[in-house]
Protein backbone atom coordinates (compact mmCIF):
# COMPACT_ATOMS: atom_id res chain seq x y z
CA MET A 1 -0.43 -0.44 4.07
CA GLU A 2 -2.25 -3.00 1.66
CA ILE A 3 -0.68 -4.10 -1.48
CA VAL A 4 -2.88 -3.94 -4.43
CA ASN A 5 -2.39 -6.45 -7.40
CA SER A 6 -4.35 -4.75 -10.20
CA ALA A 7 -5.69 -1.54 -11.62
CA GLU A 8 -9.16 -2.85 -10.91
CA ASP A 9 -8.44 -3.49 -7.12
CA LEU A 10 -6.85 0.11 -6.79
CA LYS A 11 -9.66 1.78 -8.60
CA LYS A 12 -12.35 -0.17 -6.45
CA THR A 13 -10.44 0.74 -3.34
CA ILE A 14 -10.21 4.46 -4.23
CA ASP A 15 -14.00 4.52 -5.10
CA SER A 16 -15.30 2.73 -2.10
CA ASN A 17 -13.42 4.48 0.63
CA LYS A 18 -13.72 8.16 1.78
CA MET A 19 -10.00 8.85 1.98
CA VAL A 20 -7.26 6.75 0.40
CA LEU A 21 -3.31 7.25 0.43
CA VAL A 22 -1.72 5.47 -2.43
CA TYR A 23 2.17 5.12 -2.27
CA PHE A 24 3.88 4.16 -5.66
CA ALA A 25 7.39 2.83 -5.18
CA ASN A 26 9.60 -0.42 -5.60
CA ASN A 27 11.90 -2.25 -3.36
CA GLU A 28 14.98 -1.34 -5.58
CA CYS A 29 14.59 2.22 -4.89
CA ASN A 30 16.51 3.16 -1.59
CA VAL A 31 14.39 6.49 -1.08
CA CYS A 32 11.25 4.53 -1.49
CA VAL A 33 12.26 1.83 1.14
CA ASN A 34 13.37 4.29 3.61
CA MET A 35 10.13 6.43 3.03
CA LYS A 36 7.61 3.45 3.42
CA PRO A 37 7.88 3.06 7.28
CA LYS A 38 7.58 6.76 7.71
CA ILE A 39 4.32 6.72 5.57
CA GLU A 40 2.98 3.55 7.51
CA LYS A 41 3.71 5.44 11.02
CA LEU A 42 2.10 8.47 9.72
CA LEU A 43 -1.04 6.44 8.63
CA GLN A 44 -1.25 5.33 12.23
CA ASN A 45 -2.39 8.74 13.21
CA TYR A 46 -5.19 8.66 10.63
CA PRO A 47 -7.07 5.30 11.19
CA LYS A 48 -9.93 6.17 8.74
CA ILE A 49 -7.41 6.62 5.78
CA ARG A 50 -6.84 3.44 3.68
CA GLY A 51 -3.30 3.00 2.87
CA ILE A 52 -2.31 1.30 -0.37
CA TYR A 53 1.08 0.32 -1.62
CA VAL A 54 1.79 -0.15 -5.44
CA ASP A 55 4.97 -1.76 -6.47
CA ILE A 56 5.63 -0.17 -9.83
CA LYS A 57 7.93 -2.84 -10.81
CA LYS A 58 5.39 -5.46 -10.72
CA LEU A 59 2.39 -3.16 -11.98
CA LEU A 60 4.08 -0.79 -14.20
CA TYR A 61 1.14 -0.26 -16.39
CA ILE A 62 -0.73 1.24 -13.30
CA SER A 63 1.80 4.01 -12.90
CA SER A 64 1.19 5.29 -16.26
CA ASN A 65 -2.51 5.01 -15.60
CA TYR A 66 -1.89 7.48 -12.70
CA MET A 67 0.65 9.49 -14.52
CA ILE A 68 3.58 8.59 -12.07
CA PHE A 69 6.75 9.35 -13.75
CA SER A 70 9.22 9.25 -10.75
CA ILE A 71 9.19 7.37 -7.54
CA PRO A 72 8.32 7.52 -4.72
CA ALA A 73 5.16 9.21 -5.33
CA LEU A 74 2.24 9.54 -3.07
CA LEU A 75 -1.29 10.32 -4.04
CA ILE A 76 -4.20 11.02 -1.70
CA TYR A 77 -7.70 10.67 -2.79
CA VAL A 78 -10.78 12.21 -1.02
CA GLU A 79 -14.17 10.66 -2.04
CA GLY A 80 -12.67 9.40 -5.22
CA LYS A 81 -10.85 12.48 -6.41
CA GLU A 82 -7.27 13.09 -6.39
CA THR A 83 -6.56 16.00 -3.91
CA ILE A 84 -2.84 15.76 -3.05
CA ARG A 85 0.00 14.45 -5.17
CA GLN A 86 3.76 14.46 -4.26
CA ALA A 87 6.54 12.80 -5.90
CA ARG A 88 10.35 12.41 -5.47
CA HIS A 89 11.04 14.76 -2.72
CA ILE A 90 8.24 13.83 -0.08
CA SER A 91 8.11 15.86 3.08
CA ILE A 92 6.35 13.83 5.81
CA LYS A 93 5.69 17.12 7.80
CA ASP A 94 4.16 18.74 4.74
CA ILE A 95 2.14 15.59 3.94
CA ASP A 96 1.06 15.33 7.58
CA GLU A 97 -0.30 19.01 7.66
CA LYS A 98 -2.16 18.53 4.34
CA ILE A 99 -3.67 15.17 5.42
CA SER A 100 -4.72 16.50 8.81
CA ARG A 101 -6.71 19.44 7.39
CA LEU A 102 -8.73 17.08 5.05
CA TYR A 103 -9.05 14.39 7.85
CA ASN A 104 -10.50 16.78 10.27
CA LEU A 105 -12.99 18.15 7.51
CA LEU A 106 -14.08 14.67 6.61
CA PHE A 107 -14.22 12.86 10.03
CA HIS A 108 -14.78 15.52 12.69
C-alpha cells in the first residue's frame, strides 16, 4: 500500500483510479497493525486496485474529512465514489467477497 501525505494526494488518487482501497489506521493501534498485512495480502489478488494507507496520527484532519471516527477503517472507491465502508471490526472474508464482485464488474 502506498502512503499518502496530504488530503490533496488522497483526493487525486481516488479521482484518477478506477478502484481504490483506502486504509485508515495508525501504528499505535494493535488491531490496525495486525490488519495491515492481511489487507496487503488481499490486495495482491486484485492488481488493478490502488491501495492507500493513511496514518491518522500524522494526518488527523483527513480522517475528519472522510468521517472516520474509529480505526481501523477501510473505504473502497469505485470511479471516485465511496462504495464500501467498514470500520473497527473488519472481516477480510466479507471485504474480499464485496471487492471480488465489484472487481469482476469493472475489470472483466
